[in-house]
């Protein structure tokens, strides 16, 4: 039977995973430097729903606009 050996497939898969990891870290690092990933402490306290989307996750925390 011809084809690619198991070792070749294993090496190719490992290289694919490695390339994906490096690419993910590059994209994450670029976004972190350009935009900032974390919210401020006040936004964290309010929650992402309220500070980012302007909606409340529960009815008792509705904003008073």
N, C-alpha and C. Protein backbone atom coordinates (compact mmCIF):
# COMPACT_ATOMS: atom_id res chain seq x y z
N UNK A 1 0.83 -1.18 0.00
CA UNK A 1 0.00 0.00 0.00
C UNK A 1 0.88 1.24 0.00
N UNK A 2 0.58 2.11 -0.90
CA UNK A 2 1.32 3.36 -0.96
C UNK A 2 0.73 4.38 -0.02
N UNK A 3 1.18 5.56 -0.16
CA UNK A 3 0.62 6.63 0.65
C UNK A 3 1.61 7.16 1.66
N UNK A 4 1.08 7.91 2.57
CA UNK A 4 1.91 8.57 3.57
C UNK A 4 1.92 7.71 4.83
N UNK A 5 3.08 7.60 5.44
CA UNK A 5 3.20 6.80 6.64
C UNK A 5 2.58 7.51 7.85
N UNK A 6 2.37 6.76 8.89
CA UNK A 6 1.81 7.33 10.12
C UNK A 6 2.73 8.40 10.68
N UNK A 7 4.03 8.20 10.59
CA UNK A 7 4.98 9.19 11.11
C UNK A 7 4.85 10.50 10.34
N UNK A 8 4.69 10.41 9.03
CA UNK A 8 4.51 11.62 8.24
C UNK A 8 3.24 12.36 8.61
N UNK A 9 2.17 11.61 8.84
CA UNK A 9 0.91 12.24 9.25
C UNK A 9 1.04 12.88 10.62
N UNK A 10 1.75 12.22 11.52
CA UNK A 10 1.95 12.75 12.86
C UNK A 10 2.76 14.04 12.81
N UNK A 11 3.81 14.07 12.01
CA UNK A 11 4.63 15.27 11.88
C UNK A 11 3.80 16.41 11.26
N UNK A 12 3.05 16.10 10.22
CA UNK A 12 2.22 17.11 9.58
C UNK A 12 1.17 17.67 10.52
N UNK A 13 0.55 16.80 11.32
CA UNK A 13 -0.45 17.26 12.28
C UNK A 13 0.18 18.13 13.35
N UNK A 14 1.34 17.74 13.85
CA UNK A 14 2.04 18.52 14.87
C UNK A 14 2.43 19.89 14.32
N UNK A 15 2.89 19.93 13.07
CA UNK A 15 3.23 21.22 12.46
C UNK A 15 1.99 22.10 12.30
N UNK A 16 0.87 21.50 11.92
CA UNK A 16 -0.37 22.27 11.79
C UNK A 16 -0.81 22.86 13.11
N UNK A 17 -0.73 22.07 14.17
CA UNK A 17 -1.09 22.57 15.50
C UNK A 17 -0.14 23.68 15.93
N UNK A 18 1.15 23.50 15.66
CA UNK A 18 2.15 24.51 16.01
C UNK A 18 1.91 25.82 15.28
N UNK A 19 1.62 25.74 13.98
CA UNK A 19 1.37 26.94 13.19
C UNK A 19 0.11 27.65 13.71
N UNK A 20 -0.92 26.89 14.05
CA UNK A 20 -2.15 27.48 14.57
C UNK A 20 -1.90 28.17 15.91
N UNK A 21 -1.11 27.57 16.78
CA UNK A 21 -0.80 28.18 18.08
C UNK A 21 -0.01 29.47 17.90
N UNK A 22 1.00 29.43 17.06
CA UNK A 22 1.81 30.64 16.84
C UNK A 22 0.94 31.74 16.23
N UNK A 23 0.13 31.40 15.24
CA UNK A 23 -0.75 32.39 14.63
C UNK A 23 -1.74 32.97 15.63
N UNK A 24 -2.29 32.12 16.49
CA UNK A 24 -3.22 32.60 17.52
C UNK A 24 -2.56 33.56 18.49
N UNK A 25 -1.34 33.24 18.91
CA UNK A 25 -0.63 34.13 19.83
C UNK A 25 -0.27 35.45 19.15
N UNK A 26 0.06 35.41 17.87
CA UNK A 26 0.38 36.64 17.14
C UNK A 26 -0.86 37.53 17.04
N UNK A 27 -1.99 36.95 16.67
CA UNK A 27 -3.23 37.72 16.54
C UNK A 27 -3.66 38.26 17.91
N UNK A 28 -3.59 37.44 18.95
CA UNK A 28 -3.95 37.87 20.30
C UNK A 28 -3.04 39.01 20.76
N UNK A 29 -1.75 38.87 20.52
CA UNK A 29 -0.81 39.91 20.92
C UNK A 29 -1.06 41.21 20.19
N UNK A 30 -1.36 41.14 18.89
CA UNK A 30 -1.63 42.35 18.11
C UNK A 30 -2.90 43.03 18.61
N UNK A 31 -3.95 42.26 18.89
CA UNK A 31 -5.18 42.85 19.41
C UNK A 31 -4.97 43.45 20.79
N UNK A 32 -4.19 42.77 21.60
CA UNK A 32 -3.94 43.27 22.95
C UNK A 32 -3.19 44.59 22.91
N UNK A 33 -2.21 44.71 22.01
CA UNK A 33 -1.46 45.96 21.92
C UNK A 33 -2.28 47.07 21.26
N UNK A 34 -3.07 46.73 20.25
CA UNK A 34 -3.79 47.76 19.50
C UNK A 34 -5.04 48.25 20.22
N UNK A 35 -5.83 47.34 20.78
CA UNK A 35 -7.12 47.69 21.34
C UNK A 35 -7.20 47.58 22.85
N UNK A 36 -6.43 46.71 23.40
CA UNK A 36 -6.56 46.41 24.82
C UNK A 36 -7.64 45.36 25.02
N UNK A 37 -7.33 44.33 25.73
CA UNK A 37 -8.25 43.20 25.87
C UNK A 37 -9.12 43.35 27.12
N UNK A 38 -8.55 43.88 28.18
CA UNK A 38 -9.26 43.92 29.45
C UNK A 38 -10.16 45.14 29.56
N UNK A 39 -11.19 44.99 30.37
CA UNK A 39 -12.05 46.11 30.71
C UNK A 39 -11.48 46.80 31.94
N UNK A 40 -11.96 48.01 32.20
CA UNK A 40 -11.53 48.71 33.40
C UNK A 40 -12.16 48.02 34.62
N UNK A 41 -11.67 48.38 35.81
CA UNK A 41 -12.20 47.77 37.03
C UNK A 41 -13.68 48.11 37.22
N UNK A 42 -14.06 49.31 36.87
CA UNK A 42 -15.47 49.70 36.99
C UNK A 42 -16.35 48.88 36.04
N UNK A 43 -15.87 48.69 34.80
CA UNK A 43 -16.63 47.89 33.83
C UNK A 43 -16.71 46.44 34.27
N UNK A 44 -15.63 45.92 34.85
CA UNK A 44 -15.67 44.55 35.36
C UNK A 44 -16.69 44.41 36.48
N UNK A 45 -16.77 45.43 37.35
CA UNK A 45 -17.72 45.38 38.45
C UNK A 45 -19.15 45.42 37.93
N UNK A 46 -19.41 46.27 36.94
CA UNK A 46 -20.75 46.36 36.36
C UNK A 46 -21.11 45.10 35.59
N UNK A 47 -20.13 44.50 34.96
CA UNK A 47 -20.36 43.32 34.14
C UNK A 47 -20.30 43.67 32.67
N UNK A 48 -19.92 42.71 31.84
CA UNK A 48 -19.74 42.96 30.41
C UNK A 48 -21.08 43.25 29.73
N UNK A 49 -22.14 42.62 30.18
CA UNK A 49 -23.44 42.87 29.55
C UNK A 49 -23.81 44.35 29.62
N UNK A 50 -23.65 44.92 30.79
CA UNK A 50 -24.05 46.31 30.98
C UNK A 50 -23.04 47.27 30.38
N UNK A 51 -21.74 47.02 30.55
CA UNK A 51 -20.75 47.99 30.09
C UNK A 51 -20.49 47.92 28.60
N UNK A 52 -20.60 46.76 27.99
CA UNK A 52 -20.31 46.62 26.56
C UNK A 52 -21.58 46.71 25.72
N UNK A 53 -22.60 45.95 26.11
CA UNK A 53 -23.81 45.83 25.29
C UNK A 53 -24.94 46.76 25.74
N UNK A 54 -24.78 47.38 26.90
CA UNK A 54 -25.79 48.28 27.46
C UNK A 54 -27.11 47.57 27.75
N UNK A 55 -27.03 46.29 28.09
CA UNK A 55 -28.21 45.56 28.54
C UNK A 55 -27.86 44.88 29.85
N UNK A 56 -28.84 44.62 30.67
CA UNK A 56 -28.61 44.01 31.96
C UNK A 56 -28.84 42.51 31.88
N UNK A 57 -28.06 41.78 32.65
CA UNK A 57 -28.24 40.34 32.70
C UNK A 57 -29.33 39.94 33.67
N UNK A 58 -29.74 40.87 34.52
CA UNK A 58 -30.83 40.61 35.45
C UNK A 58 -31.67 41.89 35.57
N UNK A 59 -32.97 41.74 35.83
CA UNK A 59 -33.85 42.91 35.84
C UNK A 59 -33.56 43.91 36.96
N UNK A 60 -32.95 43.48 38.05
CA UNK A 60 -32.71 44.39 39.16
C UNK A 60 -31.51 45.32 38.93
N UNK A 61 -30.77 45.10 37.85
CA UNK A 61 -29.59 45.95 37.57
C UNK A 61 -29.80 46.76 36.30
N UNK A 62 -31.01 47.19 36.04
CA UNK A 62 -31.29 48.01 34.86
C UNK A 62 -30.66 49.38 35.04
N UNK A 63 -30.06 49.92 33.97
CA UNK A 63 -29.48 51.27 34.10
C UNK A 63 -30.57 52.33 34.19
N UNK A 64 -30.26 53.41 34.85
CA UNK A 64 -31.18 54.54 34.97
C UNK A 64 -30.78 55.60 33.97
N UNK A 65 -31.30 55.51 32.75
CA UNK A 65 -30.95 56.49 31.71
C UNK A 65 -31.93 57.57 31.71
